[in-house]
Structure formats: C-alpha cells, structure tokens
Amino acid sequence: MRKPVTLGCGHSACLRCLTSNLRCQEQQGHPKAKCHICRMYLYDDTSLKVNIALDCCISELGVKCTNNGCAWKGTYQGAERHDEECQNRLVICPNRKCQVKMERKKVASHLSSCGKQLVKCKDCGKEIERDQISRHKESGCIFSVIPCPLGCGMSLPW
C-alpha cells in the first residue's frame, strides 16, 4: 500500500489504487465506487486523507527489488525511489511510436538504432523518424540532393 488512506467506512486502501478505481468506475458509467471490502459507497477522492500511523508502519518494512537480476534491499519508503532508478526495471522506449520493452540499462543502446527516433534531415532540417528518412528524401524533401548520374562528382537537386 503506497500512501494508505482510511475510507469513510473505516477500511484502508492504497490512495493510488483507489483513485484509479474511482476514475475507472466513472468511465464505466458508475457514479459511485464501493469499498473493496464492505462494498459501502465512496463518494469521491477529495475527502481521502493519508492514514499516518499505517503509512509510518509500512514505510519501515524491509523489502527487496522485484526486478529481475537486481539485488537491491532497503525499506519500503526507499523502494519507490529505487524503482524509478533501477537499471533492471522494464521500461518502454521513450520514442512515442515505439512500444519495445527493455531493461532501463539498455535504453541508450536501443535509442541509437530505434527506427522511431526522431532525427534531423541533413538537407531540410525537419525531424523525421529514423526508419522514414529514406522515404522522406525520396519523396518529400524539397532540399534533397543526389549525386550526378553522369559521375562528375557534383550534387544535384532531387
């Protein structure tokens, strides 16, 4: 439970999970969410307050990283910060159209060859996805140049 909150019925829940659940319920057309234990109606997430006693107990629990190959151990309080930096955590490529999942430590090498990485066209300066740059030069770049077909060594406009 990250940031445990106490509900109106007295039960506790994770603030992030509960907020997500409330939004999901609203999107499905259910005006009111219910407590996951007693099914009492919850009205909104604005009245939820962190249960300080429970939060203190949880934050001192000993935990270890669950990412494959990581040996980190610490307190629950430090786990979220570690998870944001863990090199073994699976992440999605930051390029908007690339959905490749990899360990964080492999992102830099992936980006050097990712087809969805935006690169500047050397001729016009426009940012194009790496795997589309050839097509851009062949059909869309008005500043694109080609070597002279007669072999004189000059470059000619496309």
C-alpha atoms as a PDB file:
ATOM      1  CA  MET A   1       0.000   0.000   0.000  1.00  0.00           C
ATOM      2  CA  ARG A   2       1.510   3.282  -1.070  1.00  0.00           C
ATOM      3  CA  LYS A   3       0.023   6.197   0.838  1.00  0.00           C
ATOM      4  CA  PRO A   4      -2.684   4.260   2.699  1.00  0.00           C
ATOM      5  CA  VAL A   5      -5.918   6.173   3.234  1.00  0.00           C
ATOM      6  CA  THR A   6      -8.814   5.489   5.556  1.00  0.00           C
ATOM      7  CA  LEU A   7     -12.230   5.347   3.935  1.00  0.00           C
ATOM      8  CA  GLY A   8     -15.476   6.597   5.462  1.00  0.00           C
ATOM      9  CA  CYS A   9     -16.350   3.006   6.414  1.00  0.00           C
ATOM     10  CA  GLY A  10     -13.095   2.633   8.395  1.00  0.00           C
ATOM     11  CA  HIS A  11     -11.286   0.336   5.959  1.00  0.00           C
ATOM     12  CA  SER A  12      -7.950   1.323   4.427  1.00  0.00           C
ATOM     13  CA  ALA A  13      -6.785   1.260   0.838  1.00  0.00           C
ATOM     14  CA  CYS A  14      -3.891   2.447  -1.304  1.00  0.00           C
ATOM     15  CA  LEU A  15      -4.547   6.030  -2.435  1.00  0.00           C
ATOM     16  CA  ARG A  16      -3.187   5.455  -5.958  1.00  0.00           C
ATOM     17  CA  CYS A  17      -5.206   2.263  -6.457  1.00  0.00           C
ATOM     18  CA  LEU A  18      -8.370   3.765  -5.002  1.00  0.00           C
ATOM     19  CA  THR A  19      -8.125   6.925  -7.133  1.00  0.00           C
ATOM     20  CA  SER A  20      -7.553   4.802 -10.227  1.00  0.00           C
ATOM     21  CA  ASN A  21     -10.544   2.636  -9.300  1.00  0.00           C
ATOM     22  CA  LEU A  22     -12.783   5.679  -8.830  1.00  0.00           C
ATOM     23  CA  ARG A  23     -11.833   7.043 -12.269  1.00  0.00           C
ATOM     24  CA  CYS A  24     -12.393   3.650 -13.871  1.00  0.00           C
ATOM     25  CA  GLN A  25     -15.828   3.361 -12.245  1.00  0.00           C
ATOM     26  CA  GLU A  26     -16.753   6.851 -13.526  1.00  0.00           C
ATOM     27  CA  GLN A  27     -15.634   5.979 -17.067  1.00  0.00           C
ATOM     28  CA  GLN A  28     -17.818   2.874 -16.994  1.00  0.00           C
ATOM     29  CA  GLY A  29     -20.838   4.973 -16.052  1.00  0.00           C
ATOM     30  CA  HIS A  30     -20.968   4.037 -12.377  1.00  0.00           C
ATOM     31  CA  PRO A  31     -21.432   7.283 -10.449  1.00  0.00           C
ATOM     32  CA  LYS A  32     -20.247   5.822  -7.156  1.00  0.00           C
ATOM     33  CA  ALA A  33     -17.434   3.410  -6.331  1.00  0.00           C
ATOM     34  CA  LYS A  34     -17.599   0.990  -3.420  1.00  0.00           C
ATOM     35  CA  CYS A  35     -15.187  -0.077  -0.694  1.00  0.00           C
ATOM     36  CA  HIS A  36     -13.359  -3.193  -1.858  1.00  0.00           C
ATOM     37  CA  ILE A  37     -14.093  -4.943   1.473  1.00  0.00           C
ATOM     38  CA  CYS A  38     -17.570  -3.982   2.746  1.00  0.00           C
ATOM     39  CA  ARG A  39     -18.967  -2.557  -0.521  1.00  0.00           C
ATOM     40  CA  MET A  40     -20.035   0.710   1.170  1.00  0.00           C
ATOM     41  CA  TYR A  41     -20.354   3.552  -1.355  1.00  0.00           C
ATOM     42  CA  LEU A  42     -17.493   6.038  -1.686  1.00  0.00           C
ATOM     43  CA  TYR A  43     -18.375   9.474  -2.935  1.00  0.00           C
ATOM     44  CA  ASP A  44     -15.120  10.925  -4.250  1.00  0.00           C
ATOM     45  CA  ASP A  45     -11.377  11.005  -3.634  1.00  0.00           C
ATOM     46  CA  THR A  46     -11.233  14.621  -2.344  1.00  0.00           C
ATOM     47  CA  SER A  47     -12.032  13.672   1.261  1.00  0.00           C
ATOM     48  CA  LEU A  48      -9.390  10.942   1.498  1.00  0.00           C
ATOM     49  CA  LYS A  49      -6.593  11.568   3.981  1.00  0.00           C
ATOM     50  CA  VAL A  50      -3.410   9.559   4.422  1.00  0.00           C
ATOM     51  CA  ASN A  51      -3.510   7.263   7.457  1.00  0.00           C
ATOM     52  CA  ILE A  52      -0.298   8.491   9.102  1.00  0.00           C
ATOM     53  CA  ALA A  53       0.073   5.604  11.581  1.00  0.00           C
ATOM     54  CA  LEU A  54      -0.341   2.954   8.891  1.00  0.00           C
ATOM     55  CA  ASP A  55       1.906   4.894   6.491  1.00  0.00           C
ATOM     56  CA  CYS A  56       4.706   5.005   9.123  1.00  0.00           C
ATOM     57  CA  CYS A  57       4.428   1.257   9.762  1.00  0.00           C
ATOM     58  CA  ILE A  58       4.508   0.424   6.069  1.00  0.00           C
ATOM     59  CA  SER A  59       7.368   2.799   5.223  1.00  0.00           C
ATOM     60  CA  GLU A  60       9.747   0.986   7.600  1.00  0.00           C
ATOM     61  CA  LEU A  61       9.086  -2.515   6.271  1.00  0.00           C
ATOM     62  CA  GLY A  62      12.105  -4.294   4.782  1.00  0.00           C
ATOM     63  CA  VAL A  63      11.732  -5.011   1.089  1.00  0.00           C
ATOM     64  CA  LYS A  64      13.809  -6.114  -1.875  1.00  0.00           C
ATOM     65  CA  CYS A  65      13.638  -5.189  -5.529  1.00  0.00           C
ATOM     66  CA  THR A  66      11.454  -7.469  -7.623  1.00  0.00           C
ATOM     67  CA  ASN A  67      13.070  -6.504 -10.941  1.00  0.00           C
ATOM     68  CA  ASN A  68      14.826  -9.485 -12.494  1.00  0.00           C
ATOM     69  CA  GLY A  69      18.535  -9.550 -11.597  1.00  0.00           C
ATOM     70  CA  CYS A  70      18.500  -6.642  -9.122  1.00  0.00           C
ATOM     71  CA  ALA A  71      19.918  -7.279  -5.647  1.00  0.00           C
ATOM     72  CA  TRP A  72      18.746  -4.002  -4.009  1.00  0.00           C
ATOM     73  CA  LYS A  73      17.315  -4.259  -0.486  1.00  0.00           C
ATOM     74  CA  GLY A  74      16.000  -1.461   1.696  1.00  0.00           C
ATOM     75  CA  THR A  75      12.887  -0.032   3.309  1.00  0.00           C
ATOM     76  CA  TYR A  76       9.535   0.297   1.633  1.00  0.00           C
ATOM     77  CA  GLN A  77       9.977   4.064   1.899  1.00  0.00           C
ATOM     78  CA  GLY A  78      13.056   3.893  -0.361  1.00  0.00           C
ATOM     79  CA  ALA A  79      11.599   1.343  -2.765  1.00  0.00           C
ATOM     80  CA  GLU A  80       9.703   3.828  -4.928  1.00  0.00           C
ATOM     81  CA  ARG A  81      12.827   5.966  -5.431  1.00  0.00           C
ATOM     82  CA  HIS A  82      14.883   2.859  -6.205  1.00  0.00           C
ATOM     83  CA  ASP A  83      12.261   1.622  -8.675  1.00  0.00           C
ATOM     84  CA  GLU A  84      12.443   4.941 -10.566  1.00  0.00           C
ATOM     85  CA  GLU A  85      16.210   4.437 -10.979  1.00  0.00           C
ATOM     86  CA  CYS A  86      16.575   0.634 -11.095  1.00  0.00           C
ATOM     87  CA  GLN A  87      18.576  -0.307 -14.178  1.00  0.00           C
ATOM     88  CA  ASN A  88      16.878  -3.728 -14.341  1.00  0.00           C
ATOM     89  CA  ARG A  89      13.327  -2.326 -14.461  1.00  0.00           C
ATOM     90  CA  LEU A  90      11.431  -2.974 -17.677  1.00  0.00           C
ATOM     91  CA  VAL A  91      10.547   0.283 -19.429  1.00  0.00           C
ATOM     92  CA  ILE A  92       9.009   1.177 -22.771  1.00  0.00           C
ATOM     93  CA  CYS A  93      11.123   3.022 -25.337  1.00  0.00           C
ATOM     94  CA  PRO A  94      10.604   6.784 -24.849  1.00  0.00           C
ATOM     95  CA  ASN A  95      10.005   7.311 -28.568  1.00  0.00           C
ATOM     96  CA  ARG A  96       6.289   7.936 -28.974  1.00  0.00           C
ATOM     97  CA  LYS A  97       5.535   5.282 -31.611  1.00  0.00           C
ATOM     98  CA  CYS A  98       7.952   2.605 -30.400  1.00  0.00           C
ATOM     99  CA  GLN A  99       6.476   0.103 -27.955  1.00  0.00           C
ATOM    100  CA  VAL A 100       9.599  -2.003 -27.364  1.00  0.00           C
ATOM    101  CA  LYS A 101      10.073  -3.054 -23.715  1.00  0.00           C
ATOM    102  CA  MET A 102      13.594  -3.384 -22.351  1.00  0.00           C
ATOM    103  CA  GLU A 103      15.607  -3.034 -19.160  1.00  0.00           C
ATOM    104  CA  ARG A 104      16.365   0.607 -18.340  1.00  0.00           C
ATOM    105  CA  LYS A 105      20.106  -0.058 -18.723  1.00  0.00           C
ATOM    106  CA  LYS A 106      19.550  -0.971 -22.397  1.00  0.00           C
ATOM    107  CA  VAL A 107      17.624   2.170 -23.390  1.00  0.00           C
ATOM    108  CA  ALA A 108      20.670   4.168 -24.546  1.00  0.00           C
ATOM    109  CA  SER A 109      21.856   1.466 -26.934  1.00  0.00           C
ATOM    110  CA  HIS A 110      18.295   0.927 -28.197  1.00  0.00           C
ATOM    111  CA  LEU A 111      17.873   4.650 -28.911  1.00  0.00           C
ATOM    112  CA  SER A 112      20.970   4.666 -31.106  1.00  0.00           C
ATOM    113  CA  SER A 113      19.193   2.361 -33.557  1.00  0.00           C
ATOM    114  CA  CYS A 114      15.470   2.836 -32.811  1.00  0.00           C
ATOM    115  CA  GLY A 115      13.531   3.339 -36.033  1.00  0.00           C
ATOM    116  CA  LYS A 116      11.095   5.675 -34.274  1.00  0.00           C
ATOM    117  CA  GLN A 117      13.855   8.010 -33.002  1.00  0.00           C
ATOM    118  CA  LEU A 118      13.421  11.497 -34.452  1.00  0.00           C
ATOM    119  CA  VAL A 119      16.468  12.560 -36.487  1.00  0.00           C
ATOM    120  CA  LYS A 120      17.019  15.749 -38.467  1.00  0.00           C
ATOM    121  CA  CYS A 121      17.048  15.531 -42.234  1.00  0.00           C
ATOM    122  CA  LYS A 122      20.509  16.741 -43.276  1.00  0.00           C
ATOM    123  CA  ASP A 123      19.012  18.604 -46.222  1.00  0.00           C
ATOM    124  CA  CYS A 124      15.930  20.398 -44.849  1.00  0.00           C
ATOM    125  CA  GLY A 125      16.416  20.124 -41.053  1.00  0.00           C
ATOM    126  CA  LYS A 126      12.939  18.656 -40.491  1.00  0.00           C
ATOM    127  CA  GLU A 127      12.664  15.988 -37.753  1.00  0.00           C
ATOM    128  CA  ILE A 128      11.741  12.620 -39.247  1.00  0.00           C
ATOM    129  CA  GLU A 129      11.563   9.134 -37.735  1.00  0.00           C
ATOM    130  CA  ARG A 130      14.788   7.256 -38.483  1.00  0.00           C
ATOM    131  CA  ASP A 131      13.004   4.475 -40.374  1.00  0.00           C
ATOM    132  CA  GLN A 132      11.240   7.052 -42.589  1.00  0.00           C
ATOM    133  CA  ILE A 133      14.226   9.228 -43.528  1.00  0.00           C
ATOM    134  CA  SER A 134      14.920   7.420 -46.836  1.00  0.00           C
ATOM    135  CA  ARG A 135      11.297   7.740 -47.902  1.00  0.00           C
ATOM    136  CA  HIS A 136      11.323  11.407 -46.880  1.00  0.00           C
ATOM    137  CA  LYS A 137      14.402  12.087 -49.012  1.00  0.00           C
ATOM    138  CA  GLU A 138      12.959  10.203 -51.978  1.00  0.00           C
ATOM    139  CA  SER A 139       9.510  11.764 -51.983  1.00  0.00           C
ATOM    140  CA  GLY A 140       9.096  14.676 -49.634  1.00  0.00           C
ATOM    141  CA  CYS A 141      12.269  16.651 -49.086  1.00  0.00           C
ATOM    142  CA  ILE A 142      12.481  19.627 -51.421  1.00  0.00           C
ATOM    143  CA  PHE A 143      16.125  20.233 -50.444  1.00  0.00           C
ATOM    144  CA  SER A 144      17.250  16.662 -51.063  1.00  0.00           C
ATOM    145  CA  VAL A 145      20.252  16.267 -53.381  1.00  0.00           C
ATOM    146  CA  ILE A 146      21.564  13.291 -55.364  1.00  0.00           C
ATOM    147  CA  PRO A 147      24.960  12.613 -56.900  1.00  0.00           C
ATOM    148  CA  CYS A 148      25.193  13.427 -60.608  1.00  0.00           C
ATOM    149  CA  PRO A 149      24.107  10.334 -62.598  1.00  0.00           C
ATOM    150  CA  LEU A 150      26.923  11.012 -65.087  1.00  0.00           C
ATOM    151  CA  GLY A 151      29.552  10.579 -62.363  1.00  0.00           C
ATOM    152  CA  CYS A 152      31.044  14.077 -62.451  1.00  0.00           C
ATOM    153  CA  GLY A 153      31.035  14.301 -58.640  1.00  0.00           C
ATOM    154  CA  MET A 154      28.551  17.189 -58.393  1.00  0.00           C
ATOM    155  CA  SER A 155      25.412  17.055 -56.304  1.00  0.00           C
ATOM    156  CA  LEU A 156      22.141  17.929 -57.966  1.00  0.00           C
ATOM    157  CA  PRO A 157      18.738  18.862 -56.505  1.00  0.00           C
ATOM    158  CA  TRP A 158      16.330  15.950 -56.421  1.00  0.00           C
END
